[in-house]
Protein backbone atom coordinates (compact mmCIF):
# COMPACT_ATOMS: atom_id res chain seq x y z
CA MET A 1 111.74 74.62 115.84
CA LEU A 2 115.42 75.39 115.16
CA LEU A 3 114.49 78.91 114.09
CA VAL A 4 112.66 79.58 117.35
CA ASP A 5 115.47 78.06 119.42
CA PHE A 6 118.13 80.10 117.63
CA LEU A 7 116.12 83.34 117.95
CA VAL A 8 115.62 82.74 121.67
CA TRP A 9 119.36 82.18 122.07
CA VAL A 10 120.30 85.25 119.98
CA LEU A 11 117.80 87.61 121.62
CA PHE A 12 117.75 86.46 125.23
CA TRP A 13 120.68 84.18 126.10
CA ALA A 14 123.72 85.42 124.13
CA PRO A 15 123.63 89.19 124.88
CA CYS A 16 126.02 90.15 127.67
CA VAL A 17 128.13 92.94 129.11
CA ARG A 18 131.72 92.19 130.15
CA LEU A 19 133.97 94.49 132.15
CA ASP A 20 137.63 93.95 131.23
CA ASP A 21 140.67 95.83 132.55
CA ASP A 22 141.03 97.83 129.33
CA LYS A 23 137.50 98.03 127.92
CA LEU A 24 133.78 97.46 128.25
CA LEU A 25 132.48 94.76 125.90
CA ILE A 26 128.81 94.82 124.89
CA VAL A 27 127.50 91.78 123.02
CA ASN A 28 124.06 92.51 121.54
CA PRO A 29 122.05 90.18 119.28
CA PHE A 30 123.66 91.30 116.02
CA ARG A 31 126.52 93.61 117.03
CA THR A 32 129.50 93.59 119.39
CA VAL A 33 130.84 96.90 120.74
CA MET A 34 134.19 97.40 122.48
CA ILE A 35 134.48 100.69 124.39
CA PRO A 36 137.75 101.78 126.07
CA TRP A 37 137.15 103.01 129.62
CA ALA A 38 138.43 106.51 128.83
CA SER A 39 135.76 106.84 126.10
CA ILE A 40 132.81 106.30 128.45
CA SER A 41 131.04 109.51 129.45
CA SER A 42 128.25 107.86 131.45
CA ALA A 43 126.25 104.69 132.02
CA THR A 44 122.50 105.18 132.39
CA PRO A 45 120.14 102.49 133.68
CA GLY A 46 116.75 102.05 132.06
CA PRO A 47 114.86 99.41 130.08
CA LEU A 48 118.23 98.84 128.39
CA LEU A 49 121.53 99.94 129.90
CA THR A 50 122.76 102.94 127.86
CA ILE A 51 126.46 103.75 127.53
CA THR A 52 127.23 107.31 126.41
CA THR A 53 130.49 108.07 124.58
CA PRO A 54 131.67 111.07 122.56
CA GLY A 55 130.87 108.99 119.45
CA GLY A 56 127.27 108.23 120.42
CA LEU A 57 124.98 106.06 122.53
CA PHE A 58 125.22 102.29 122.83
CA LYS A 59 122.44 100.13 124.27
CA ALA A 60 123.26 96.90 126.09
CA TRP A 61 120.70 94.11 125.74
CA GLY A 62 122.54 91.89 128.22
CA VAL A 63 121.47 93.73 131.38
CA PRO A 64 117.82 93.52 132.48
CA GLY A 65 116.15 96.85 133.03
CA LEU A 66 112.99 98.06 134.67
CA SER A 67 110.76 94.99 134.28
CA GLY A 68 108.93 93.60 137.31
CA ALA A 69 111.08 90.47 137.39
CA ALA A 70 114.32 92.44 137.09
CA ALA A 71 113.29 94.72 139.97
CA ALA A 72 112.97 91.79 142.38
CA PRO A 73 115.62 91.99 145.12
CA ASP A 74 116.83 88.42 144.62
CA VAL A 75 117.43 89.00 140.88
CA ALA A 76 119.41 92.20 141.53
CA GLN A 77 121.38 90.52 144.29
CA SER A 78 122.17 87.51 142.08
CA PHE A 79 123.32 89.83 139.31
CA GLU A 80 125.40 91.79 141.82
CA LEU A 81 127.15 88.61 142.97
CA ASN A 82 127.94 87.69 139.34
CA MET A 83 129.35 91.18 138.73
CA TYR A 84 131.34 90.78 141.94
CA ARG A 85 132.90 87.51 140.79
CA ALA A 86 133.72 88.99 137.38
CA THR A 87 135.68 91.94 138.73
CA PRO A 88 139.45 91.63 138.99
CA ASP A 89 139.63 93.80 142.13
CA ASP A 90 137.57 92.47 145.06
CA SER A 91 137.22 95.94 146.58
CA ILE A 92 135.14 97.11 143.60
CA GLY A 93 132.56 94.35 143.95
CA ALA A 94 132.64 94.31 147.73
CA SER A 95 131.78 97.99 148.05
CA SER A 96 128.96 97.75 145.52
CA ARG A 97 127.40 94.68 147.15
CA GLU A 98 126.31 96.59 150.21
CA GLY A 99 122.91 98.24 150.00
CA THR A 100 121.80 96.65 146.73
CA GLY A 101 118.25 96.42 148.06
CA SER A 102 115.67 96.31 145.28
CA GLN A 103 117.79 98.00 142.62
CA THR A 104 117.54 96.52 139.16
CA PRO A 105 120.54 94.85 137.53
CA SER A 106 120.63 97.82 135.14
CA VAL A 107 121.22 100.22 138.05
CA VAL A 108 123.85 97.95 139.60
CA ALA A 109 125.65 97.53 136.25
CA ALA A 110 125.64 101.29 135.56
CA ARG A 111 127.21 101.94 138.97
CA GLN A 112 129.83 99.22 138.42
CA ILE A 113 130.69 100.52 134.93
CA GLU A 114 131.17 104.05 136.22
CA ARG A 115 133.45 102.73 138.99
CA MET A 116 135.54 100.84 136.45
CA ARG A 117 135.67 103.96 134.24
CA ASP A 118 136.91 106.01 137.19
CA ILE A 119 139.60 103.41 137.97
CA HIS A 120 140.75 102.72 134.41
CA GLY A 121 139.76 105.96 132.64
CA ASP A 122 143.26 107.41 132.93
CA ASP A 123 144.92 104.36 131.39
CA PRO A 124 146.28 104.79 127.86
CA VAL A 125 143.46 104.16 125.40
CA PRO A 126 144.37 101.67 122.68
CA ALA A 127 143.46 103.36 119.37
CA GLY A 128 141.20 105.70 121.38
CA ARG A 129 138.07 104.63 119.54
CA VAL A 130 134.94 102.63 120.06
CA GLU A 131 134.89 99.53 117.88
CA ALA A 132 131.59 98.07 116.69
CA HIS A 133 131.42 94.85 114.68
CA ALA A 134 128.34 93.32 113.09
CA GLN A 135 127.86 89.64 113.85
CA ARG A 136 126.95 88.67 110.28
CA TRP A 137 126.99 84.97 110.98
CA LYS A 138 123.93 85.39 113.21
CA LEU A 139 122.04 87.27 110.47
CA ILE A 140 123.01 84.64 107.88
CA THR A 141 121.95 81.82 110.21
CA VAL A 142 118.57 83.47 110.91
CA GLY A 143 118.05 83.98 107.17
CA ALA A 144 118.94 80.38 106.38
CA LEU A 145 116.66 79.05 109.11
CA VAL A 146 113.79 81.24 107.84
CA VAL A 147 114.27 79.84 104.32
CA VAL A 148 114.36 76.26 105.61
CA THR A 149 111.29 76.85 107.81
CA VAL A 150 109.28 78.40 104.95
CA ALA A 151 110.33 75.59 102.60
CA ALA A 152 109.29 72.98 105.19
CA LEU A 153 105.90 74.64 105.62
CA LEU A 154 105.26 74.90 101.89
CA PHE A 155 106.34 71.38 100.90
């Protein structure tokens, strides 16, 4: 049971996308990516939000894509309000709230990320690189829970 609970948390609850003043933070199930605004070439909505940089493509698990549930207007609007509250400048969220309609959270997030890139893209880029870090503790925990689960089933 713990294995299933942990996998549900890792795959569906923990992934997120955070827009900070100096970078975009993508937390995926087993990797965290920090991308300075000046390094973002584009943000493309789809089944997973895709961030394009000169160093490659990064997929964000934390933003729902083109599923039927994600396309519902109330889901997109709820996501838009959360993005609005998370932005430091009210004018960014306020302008993107209008006309959300039935757009998916992926579309709304891509638009918001490109706005933040346009605002902060000229800021000095710390180290000028995308940083990606594996979240080894999650892999170790999954492995340990698999071993415990198999042992419990066998004995």
